[in-house]
Amino acid sequence: MLVRPGRRLRALLTTGALTAGLIGGAVAVAPSAAAWTPLGQCSTTHKILYNINSSQVVKIPDLPYDGGYNVRCWMDYGSTGKAVETLQLALKTCYARSIAVDGSFGSATRSALRYAQGQEKITVDGLYGEEVFSNIKWPRYRPDGSRNGCARIAYV
């Protein structure tokens, strides 16, 4: 599974690499922004452990990629499918937005997403991508399938 590290971890890794390069006399180069370009539009979903010390899972949007799945995807107005349903369920369950979970990213979903982005103090643009994936809350499920609150993905 390919999951992008959060901003703090990237900054820490970049700082460490630059420091090591200066101490060792080598030239360090920060990772390019292109390395994290979305691979395509989210179309499916996948369950992952919400943190490494738990048996509980969250369902997240993704797309098929190289025989597996990848969370480096995007959604916006006009997107449809299971991935949109997963986002809508998160917005309805974790942010108390009154929207249909119908798999159609329309104006109500965009408005609900903007609300969640504002609550999490991230860019408010109504677009789903890496920043939203890493910062919003997702419904958490017990092994028996029952819901158990909401959580951010702890290791992202």
N, C-alpha and C. Protein backbone atom coordinates (compact mmCIF):
# COMPACT_ATOMS: atom_id res chain seq x y z
N MET A 1 0.85 -1.18 0.00
CA MET A 1 0.00 0.00 0.00
C MET A 1 0.88 1.23 0.00
N LEU A 2 0.57 2.16 -0.85
CA LEU A 2 1.31 3.40 -0.93
C LEU A 2 0.51 4.48 -0.22
N VAL A 3 1.03 5.01 0.87
CA VAL A 3 0.36 6.07 1.61
C VAL A 3 1.34 7.20 1.82
N ARG A 4 0.92 8.42 1.54
CA ARG A 4 1.80 9.57 1.66
C ARG A 4 1.95 9.99 3.11
N PRO A 5 3.17 10.22 3.55
CA PRO A 5 3.39 10.70 4.91
C PRO A 5 2.81 12.10 5.08
N GLY A 6 2.45 12.43 6.31
CA GLY A 6 1.93 13.76 6.61
C GLY A 6 2.99 14.83 6.45
N ARG A 7 2.55 16.10 6.50
CA ARG A 7 3.46 17.23 6.28
C ARG A 7 4.58 17.26 7.31
N ARG A 8 4.24 16.99 8.57
CA ARG A 8 5.26 17.05 9.62
C ARG A 8 6.36 16.01 9.40
N LEU A 9 5.93 14.78 9.06
CA LEU A 9 6.91 13.72 8.82
C LEU A 9 7.79 14.05 7.62
N ARG A 10 7.20 14.55 6.53
CA ARG A 10 8.00 14.92 5.35
C ARG A 10 9.00 16.01 5.70
N ALA A 11 8.56 17.01 6.48
CA ALA A 11 9.47 18.10 6.86
C ALA A 11 10.61 17.55 7.70
N LEU A 12 10.29 16.66 8.61
CA LEU A 12 11.32 16.07 9.47
C LEU A 12 12.30 15.24 8.64
N LEU A 13 11.79 14.43 7.72
CA LEU A 13 12.67 13.62 6.88
C LEU A 13 13.54 14.49 5.98
N THR A 14 12.96 15.55 5.42
CA THR A 14 13.74 16.46 4.57
C THR A 14 14.82 17.15 5.37
N THR A 15 14.48 17.63 6.57
CA THR A 15 15.47 18.29 7.43
C THR A 15 16.59 17.32 7.79
N GLY A 16 16.22 16.08 8.13
CA GLY A 16 17.23 15.08 8.47
C GLY A 16 18.14 14.78 7.30
N ALA A 17 17.56 14.65 6.11
CA ALA A 17 18.37 14.37 4.92
C ALA A 17 19.31 15.52 4.61
N LEU A 18 18.82 16.74 4.71
CA LEU A 18 19.67 17.89 4.44
C LEU A 18 20.80 18.00 5.46
N THR A 19 20.48 17.77 6.74
CA THR A 19 21.49 17.82 7.79
C THR A 19 22.55 16.74 7.57
N ALA A 20 22.10 15.52 7.27
CA ALA A 20 23.05 14.44 7.03
C ALA A 20 23.94 14.75 5.83
N GLY A 21 23.33 15.32 4.80
CA GLY A 21 24.11 15.68 3.61
C GLY A 21 25.16 16.73 3.90
N LEU A 22 24.80 17.73 4.70
CA LEU A 22 25.76 18.78 5.03
C LEU A 22 26.89 18.25 5.90
N ILE A 23 26.54 17.42 6.86
CA ILE A 23 27.56 16.85 7.75
C ILE A 23 28.48 15.92 6.97
N GLY A 24 27.92 15.13 6.09
CA GLY A 24 28.72 14.16 5.34
C GLY A 24 29.36 14.76 4.10
N GLY A 25 29.08 16.01 3.79
CA GLY A 25 29.66 16.65 2.62
C GLY A 25 28.95 16.29 1.33
N ALA A 26 27.82 15.59 1.41
CA ALA A 26 27.08 15.22 0.21
C ALA A 26 26.03 16.27 -0.10
N VAL A 27 25.48 16.22 -1.27
CA VAL A 27 24.42 17.14 -1.65
C VAL A 27 23.09 16.41 -1.48
N ALA A 28 22.20 16.99 -0.70
CA ALA A 28 20.88 16.40 -0.50
C ALA A 28 19.86 17.17 -1.31
N VAL A 29 18.92 16.44 -1.89
CA VAL A 29 17.87 17.07 -2.67
C VAL A 29 16.53 16.71 -2.07
N ALA A 30 15.68 17.70 -1.84
CA ALA A 30 14.34 17.46 -1.30
C ALA A 30 13.51 16.74 -2.34
N PRO A 31 12.56 15.90 -1.90
CA PRO A 31 11.71 15.20 -2.86
C PRO A 31 10.87 16.20 -3.65
N SER A 32 10.65 15.91 -4.92
CA SER A 32 9.89 16.83 -5.75
C SER A 32 8.40 16.67 -5.49
N ALA A 33 7.66 17.73 -5.72
CA ALA A 33 6.21 17.69 -5.55
C ALA A 33 5.59 16.71 -6.54
N ALA A 34 6.19 16.51 -7.69
CA ALA A 34 5.66 15.61 -8.69
C ALA A 34 5.63 14.17 -8.20
N ALA A 35 6.48 13.82 -7.24
CA ALA A 35 6.51 12.46 -6.71
C ALA A 35 5.17 12.09 -6.07
N TRP A 36 4.36 13.06 -5.72
CA TRP A 36 3.08 12.81 -5.05
C TRP A 36 1.89 13.17 -5.91
N THR A 37 2.06 13.25 -7.19
CA THR A 37 0.97 13.55 -8.10
C THR A 37 -0.06 12.43 -8.03
N PRO A 38 -1.36 12.77 -7.95
CA PRO A 38 -2.39 11.72 -7.93
C PRO A 38 -2.28 10.83 -9.17
N LEU A 39 -2.56 9.56 -8.98
CA LEU A 39 -2.45 8.60 -10.07
C LEU A 39 -3.71 8.55 -10.92
N GLY A 40 -4.81 9.07 -10.41
CA GLY A 40 -6.07 9.05 -11.16
C GLY A 40 -7.24 9.32 -10.26
N GLN A 41 -8.42 9.19 -10.81
CA GLN A 41 -9.64 9.44 -10.06
C GLN A 41 -9.96 8.24 -9.17
N CYS A 42 -10.32 8.50 -7.92
CA CYS A 42 -10.70 7.43 -6.99
C CYS A 42 -11.90 6.68 -7.56
N SER A 43 -11.87 5.35 -7.53
CA SER A 43 -12.98 4.59 -8.10
C SER A 43 -13.43 3.43 -7.21
N THR A 44 -12.61 3.02 -6.27
CA THR A 44 -12.96 1.89 -5.41
C THR A 44 -12.68 2.27 -3.95
N THR A 45 -12.82 1.30 -3.07
CA THR A 45 -12.51 1.53 -1.65
C THR A 45 -11.73 0.34 -1.11
N HIS A 46 -11.12 0.57 0.02
CA HIS A 46 -10.34 -0.48 0.66
C HIS A 46 -10.39 -0.25 2.17
N LYS A 47 -10.35 -1.31 2.94
CA LYS A 47 -10.29 -1.18 4.40
C LYS A 47 -8.84 -1.33 4.83
N ILE A 48 -8.41 -0.42 5.73
CA ILE A 48 -7.07 -0.51 6.29
C ILE A 48 -7.16 -0.34 7.79
N LEU A 49 -6.17 -0.85 8.52
CA LEU A 49 -6.12 -0.62 9.96
C LEU A 49 -5.97 0.86 10.19
N TYR A 50 -6.76 1.41 11.12
CA TYR A 50 -6.67 2.85 11.32
C TYR A 50 -5.45 3.24 12.12
N ASN A 51 -4.89 2.32 12.86
CA ASN A 51 -3.55 2.52 13.42
C ASN A 51 -2.93 1.16 13.65
N ILE A 52 -1.64 1.12 13.74
CA ILE A 52 -0.93 -0.17 13.77
C ILE A 52 -1.16 -0.97 15.04
N ASN A 53 -1.74 -0.36 16.07
CA ASN A 53 -1.97 -1.06 17.34
C ASN A 53 -3.43 -1.44 17.53
N SER A 54 -4.21 -1.50 16.48
CA SER A 54 -5.64 -1.75 16.61
C SER A 54 -6.11 -2.77 15.59
N SER A 55 -7.18 -3.48 15.93
CA SER A 55 -7.81 -4.38 14.96
C SER A 55 -8.96 -3.68 14.25
N GLN A 56 -9.21 -2.41 14.58
CA GLN A 56 -10.28 -1.67 13.94
C GLN A 56 -9.79 -1.09 12.61
N VAL A 57 -10.73 -0.94 11.68
CA VAL A 57 -10.38 -0.48 10.34
C VAL A 57 -11.17 0.77 9.96
N VAL A 58 -10.68 1.46 8.96
CA VAL A 58 -11.41 2.53 8.30
C VAL A 58 -11.48 2.16 6.82
N LYS A 59 -12.56 2.56 6.17
CA LYS A 59 -12.71 2.33 4.74
C LYS A 59 -12.32 3.63 4.05
N ILE A 60 -11.43 3.54 3.08
CA ILE A 60 -10.90 4.73 2.40
C ILE A 60 -11.06 4.62 0.89
N PRO A 61 -11.18 5.77 0.21
CA PRO A 61 -11.22 5.77 -1.25
C PRO A 61 -9.85 5.39 -1.82
N ASP A 62 -9.85 4.72 -2.96
CA ASP A 62 -8.60 4.37 -3.63
C ASP A 62 -8.88 4.10 -5.10
N LEU A 63 -7.87 3.63 -5.80
CA LEU A 63 -8.05 3.21 -7.18
C LEU A 63 -7.18 2.00 -7.43
N PRO A 64 -7.63 1.09 -8.32
CA PRO A 64 -6.80 -0.06 -8.66
C PRO A 64 -5.50 0.41 -9.29
N TYR A 65 -4.41 -0.23 -8.91
CA TYR A 65 -3.11 0.19 -9.43
C TYR A 65 -2.12 -0.96 -9.28
N ASP A 66 -1.54 -1.40 -10.38
CA ASP A 66 -0.53 -2.46 -10.39
C ASP A 66 -0.95 -3.70 -9.60
N GLY A 67 -2.15 -4.16 -9.79
CA GLY A 67 -2.62 -5.37 -9.13
C GLY A 67 -3.03 -5.18 -7.68
N GLY A 68 -2.95 -3.96 -7.15
CA GLY A 68 -3.36 -3.68 -5.78
C GLY A 68 -4.26 -2.47 -5.76
N TYR A 69 -4.03 -1.62 -4.79
CA TYR A 69 -4.80 -0.39 -4.71
C TYR A 69 -3.87 0.74 -4.30
N ASN A 70 -4.30 1.97 -4.52
CA ASN A 70 -3.47 3.11 -4.19
C ASN A 70 -4.38 4.25 -3.76
N VAL A 71 -4.02 4.91 -2.66
CA VAL A 71 -4.84 6.01 -2.13
C VAL A 71 -4.48 7.36 -2.76
N ARG A 72 -3.49 7.38 -3.63
CA ARG A 72 -3.10 8.64 -4.28
C ARG A 72 -4.05 8.91 -5.45
N CYS A 73 -5.27 9.32 -5.09
CA CYS A 73 -6.29 9.57 -6.09
C CYS A 73 -7.06 10.84 -5.74
N TRP A 74 -7.93 11.27 -6.64
CA TRP A 74 -8.67 12.50 -6.44
C TRP A 74 -10.14 12.30 -6.78
N MET A 75 -10.99 13.20 -6.26
CA MET A 75 -12.41 13.26 -6.61
C MET A 75 -12.84 14.71 -6.57
N ASP A 76 -13.79 15.05 -7.41
CA ASP A 76 -14.39 16.39 -7.36
C ASP A 76 -15.79 16.33 -7.95
N TYR A 77 -16.38 17.50 -8.12
CA TYR A 77 -17.74 17.61 -8.62
C TYR A 77 -17.89 16.78 -9.90
N GLY A 78 -18.89 15.91 -9.92
CA GLY A 78 -19.13 15.06 -11.08
C GLY A 78 -18.60 13.64 -10.94
N SER A 79 -17.71 13.40 -9.95
CA SER A 79 -17.21 12.04 -9.72
C SER A 79 -18.35 11.15 -9.23
N THR A 80 -18.28 9.87 -9.54
CA THR A 80 -19.31 8.93 -9.10
C THR A 80 -18.66 7.61 -8.67
N GLY A 81 -19.40 6.81 -7.91
CA GLY A 81 -18.96 5.46 -7.58
C GLY A 81 -18.76 5.20 -6.10
N LYS A 82 -18.20 4.03 -5.83
CA LYS A 82 -17.98 3.57 -4.45
C LYS A 82 -17.08 4.50 -3.65
N ALA A 83 -16.07 5.06 -4.29
CA ALA A 83 -15.16 5.96 -3.57
C ALA A 83 -15.91 7.20 -3.09
N VAL A 84 -16.81 7.72 -3.91
CA VAL A 84 -17.61 8.88 -3.50
C VAL A 84 -18.52 8.49 -2.34
N GLU A 85 -19.13 7.30 -2.40
CA GLU A 85 -19.97 6.82 -1.29
C GLU A 85 -19.18 6.79 0.01
N THR A 86 -17.95 6.32 -0.05
CA THR A 86 -17.11 6.24 1.14
C THR A 86 -16.84 7.63 1.72
N LEU A 87 -16.53 8.58 0.86
CA LEU A 87 -16.33 9.96 1.30
C LEU A 87 -17.62 10.53 1.89
N GLN A 88 -18.74 10.30 1.21
CA GLN A 88 -20.02 10.82 1.72
C GLN A 88 -20.35 10.24 3.09
N LEU A 89 -20.10 8.95 3.28
CA LEU A 89 -20.36 8.33 4.58
C LEU A 89 -19.50 8.97 5.66
N ALA A 90 -18.24 9.26 5.34
CA ALA A 90 -17.37 9.93 6.32
C ALA A 90 -17.90 11.32 6.66
N LEU A 91 -18.33 12.06 5.66
CA LEU A 91 -18.84 13.41 5.90
C LEU A 91 -20.13 13.37 6.70
N LYS A 92 -20.97 12.40 6.43
CA LYS A 92 -22.26 12.26 7.14
C LYS A 92 -22.03 11.77 8.57
N THR A 93 -21.19 10.77 8.74
CA THR A 93 -20.97 10.14 10.04
C THR A 93 -20.07 10.97 10.96
N CYS A 94 -18.98 11.47 10.43
CA CYS A 94 -17.97 12.12 11.27
C CYS A 94 -18.12 13.64 11.35
N TYR A 95 -18.86 14.23 10.42
CA TYR A 95 -19.02 15.68 10.42
C TYR A 95 -20.48 16.11 10.48
N ALA A 96 -21.37 15.14 10.72
CA ALA A 96 -22.80 15.40 10.90
C ALA A 96 -23.41 16.20 9.75
N ARG A 97 -22.95 15.94 8.53
CA ARG A 97 -23.53 16.62 7.37
C ARG A 97 -24.72 15.82 6.89
N SER A 98 -25.79 16.47 6.57
CA SER A 98 -27.02 15.83 6.12
C SER A 98 -26.98 15.69 4.60
N ILE A 99 -26.31 14.65 4.13
CA ILE A 99 -26.18 14.42 2.69
C ILE A 99 -26.56 12.97 2.37
N ALA A 100 -26.97 12.75 1.13
CA ALA A 100 -27.26 11.40 0.67
C ALA A 100 -25.95 10.66 0.43
N VAL A 101 -25.95 9.38 0.76
CA VAL A 101 -24.80 8.52 0.44
C VAL A 101 -25.21 7.75 -0.82
N ASP A 102 -25.07 8.45 -1.95
CA ASP A 102 -25.56 7.92 -3.22
C ASP A 102 -24.48 7.71 -4.27
N GLY A 103 -23.24 8.02 -3.94
CA GLY A 103 -22.14 7.81 -4.88
C GLY A 103 -22.03 8.86 -5.97
N SER A 104 -22.71 9.99 -5.79
CA SER A 104 -22.65 11.06 -6.78
C SER A 104 -22.12 12.34 -6.13
N PHE A 105 -20.97 12.81 -6.56
CA PHE A 105 -20.32 13.99 -5.98
C PHE A 105 -20.95 15.23 -6.61
N GLY A 106 -21.99 15.73 -5.96
CA GLY A 106 -22.68 16.92 -6.43
C GLY A 106 -22.45 18.09 -5.49
N SER A 107 -23.33 19.07 -5.57
CA SER A 107 -23.15 20.29 -4.79
C SER A 107 -23.26 20.04 -3.28
N ALA A 108 -24.12 19.11 -2.85
CA ALA A 108 -24.25 18.82 -1.42
C ALA A 108 -22.96 18.18 -0.88
N THR A 109 -22.38 17.27 -1.64
CA THR A 109 -21.12 16.63 -1.22
C THR A 109 -20.00 17.65 -1.19
N ARG A 110 -19.93 18.50 -2.21
CA ARG A 110 -18.89 19.53 -2.24
C ARG A 110 -19.03 20.47 -1.04
N SER A 111 -20.26 20.87 -0.72
CA SER A 111 -20.50 21.76 0.42
C SER A 111 -20.11 21.07 1.73
N ALA A 112 -20.47 19.80 1.88
CA ALA A 112 -20.12 19.05 3.09
C ALA A 112 -18.60 18.89 3.21
N LEU A 113 -17.93 18.66 2.09
CA LEU A 113 -16.48 18.52 2.10
C LEU A 113 -15.82 19.84 2.48
N ARG A 114 -16.34 20.93 1.96
CA ARG A 114 -15.80 22.25 2.35
C ARG A 114 -15.95 22.46 3.85
N TYR A 115 -17.08 22.05 4.41
CA TYR A 115 -17.28 22.17 5.85
C TYR A 115 -16.21 21.38 6.61
N ALA A 116 -16.01 20.12 6.21
CA ALA A 116 -15.00 19.28 6.88
C ALA A 116 -13.60 19.87 6.73
N GLN A 117 -13.27 20.39 5.56
CA GLN A 117 -11.97 21.01 5.36
C GLN A 117 -11.79 22.19 6.31
N GLY A 118 -12.83 22.99 6.48
CA GLY A 118 -12.76 24.12 7.41
C GLY A 118 -12.58 23.65 8.84
N GLN A 119 -13.29 22.59 9.22
CA GLN A 119 -13.16 22.05 10.57
C GLN A 119 -11.75 21.56 10.85
N GLU A 120 -11.10 21.02 9.84
CA GLU A 120 -9.76 20.46 10.01
C GLU A 120 -8.66 21.48 9.69
N LYS A 121 -9.06 22.69 9.36
CA LYS A 121 -8.12 23.79 9.10
C LYS A 121 -7.13 23.45 7.96
N ILE A 122 -7.70 22.90 6.89
CA ILE A 122 -6.92 22.65 5.68
C ILE A 122 -7.54 23.47 4.54
N THR A 123 -6.94 23.44 3.38
CA THR A 123 -7.43 24.20 2.24
C THR A 123 -8.90 23.90 1.98
N VAL A 124 -9.73 24.94 1.95
CA VAL A 124 -11.17 24.78 1.73
C VAL A 124 -11.45 25.04 0.25
N ASP A 125 -11.52 23.94 -0.53
CA ASP A 125 -11.77 24.08 -1.96
C ASP A 125 -12.82 23.10 -2.48
N GLY A 126 -13.30 22.20 -1.61
CA GLY A 126 -14.31 21.23 -2.04
C GLY A 126 -13.78 20.14 -2.94
N LEU A 127 -12.47 19.96 -2.97
CA LEU A 127 -11.83 18.93 -3.79
C LEU A 127 -11.23 17.87 -2.88
N TYR A 128 -11.37 16.60 -3.26
CA TYR A 128 -10.78 15.50 -2.49
C TYR A 128 -9.44 15.13 -3.10
N GLY A 129 -8.44 15.06 -2.25
CA GLY A 129 -7.10 14.63 -2.67
C GLY A 129 -6.31 14.27 -1.44
N GLU A 130 -5.02 14.31 -1.58
CA GLU A 130 -4.11 13.87 -0.53
C GLU A 130 -4.29 14.62 0.79
N GLU A 131 -4.46 15.93 0.74
CA GLU A 131 -4.60 16.70 1.97
C GLU A 131 -5.86 16.31 2.73
N VAL A 132 -6.94 16.10 2.01
CA VAL A 132 -8.19 15.68 2.65
C VAL A 132 -8.01 14.27 3.22
N PHE A 133 -7.49 13.35 2.42
CA PHE A 133 -7.28 11.98 2.87
C PHE A 133 -6.51 11.93 4.19
N SER A 134 -5.46 12.72 4.29
CA SER A 134 -4.58 12.69 5.45
C SER A 134 -5.13 13.42 6.66
N ASN A 135 -6.13 14.27 6.49
CA ASN A 135 -6.54 15.13 7.59
C ASN A 135 -7.97 14.98 8.07
N ILE A 136 -8.87 14.40 7.27
CA ILE A 136 -10.24 14.28 7.77
C ILE A 136 -10.40 13.00 8.59
N LYS A 137 -11.51 12.93 9.30
CA LYS A 137 -11.84 11.74 10.09
C LYS A 137 -12.61 10.77 9.21
N TRP A 138 -12.37 9.50 9.48
CA TRP A 138 -13.05 8.41 8.76
C TRP A 138 -13.82 7.56 9.77
N PRO A 139 -14.99 7.00 9.38
CA PRO A 139 -15.70 6.09 10.29
C PRO A 139 -14.81 4.89 10.61
N ARG A 140 -14.81 4.52 11.86
CA ARG A 140 -13.98 3.41 12.34
C ARG A 140 -14.90 2.20 12.56
N TYR A 141 -14.45 1.02 12.16
CA TYR A 141 -15.24 -0.20 12.27
C TYR A 141 -14.53 -1.24 13.12
N ARG A 142 -15.31 -1.91 13.97
CA ARG A 142 -14.79 -3.05 14.76
C ARG A 142 -14.67 -4.26 13.83
N PRO A 143 -13.97 -5.30 14.28
CA PRO A 143 -13.85 -6.51 13.45
C PRO A 143 -15.20 -7.13 13.07
N ASP A 144 -16.25 -6.93 13.90
CA ASP A 144 -17.56 -7.50 13.58
C ASP A 144 -18.34 -6.64 12.59
N GLY A 145 -17.75 -5.50 12.14
CA GLY A 145 -18.39 -4.64 11.15
C GLY A 145 -19.19 -3.49 11.73
N SER A 146 -19.37 -3.45 13.04
CA SER A 146 -20.12 -2.35 13.65
C SER A 146 -19.24 -1.10 13.72
N ARG A 147 -19.87 0.05 13.60
CA ARG A 147 -19.13 1.31 13.65
C ARG A 147 -18.75 1.66 15.08
N ASN A 148 -17.58 2.28 15.22
CA ASN A 148 -17.07 2.66 16.54
C ASN A 148 -16.45 4.04 16.47
N GLY A 149 -17.26 5.05 16.19
CA GLY A 149 -16.75 6.41 16.18
C GLY A 149 -15.99 6.75 14.90
N CYS A 150 -15.21 7.81 14.99
CA CYS A 150 -14.44 8.30 13.85
C CYS A 150 -13.01 8.54 14.28
N ALA A 151 -12.10 8.45 13.33
CA ALA A 151 -10.68 8.66 13.64
C ALA A 151 -9.92 9.08 12.40
N ARG A 152 -8.84 9.78 12.63
CA ARG A 152 -7.89 10.03 11.55
C ARG A 152 -7.01 8.79 11.43
N ILE A 153 -6.44 8.62 10.29
CA ILE A 153 -5.55 7.47 10.09
C ILE A 153 -4.23 7.82 10.75
N ALA A 154 -3.88 7.10 11.80
CA ALA A 154 -2.78 7.47 12.68
C ALA A 154 -1.40 7.39 12.03
N TYR A 155 -1.17 6.50 11.08
CA TYR A 155 0.19 6.34 10.54
C TYR A 155 0.39 7.05 9.22
N VAL A 156 -0.49 7.94 8.85
CA VAL A 156 -0.33 8.68 7.60
C VAL A 156 0.32 10.00 7.87
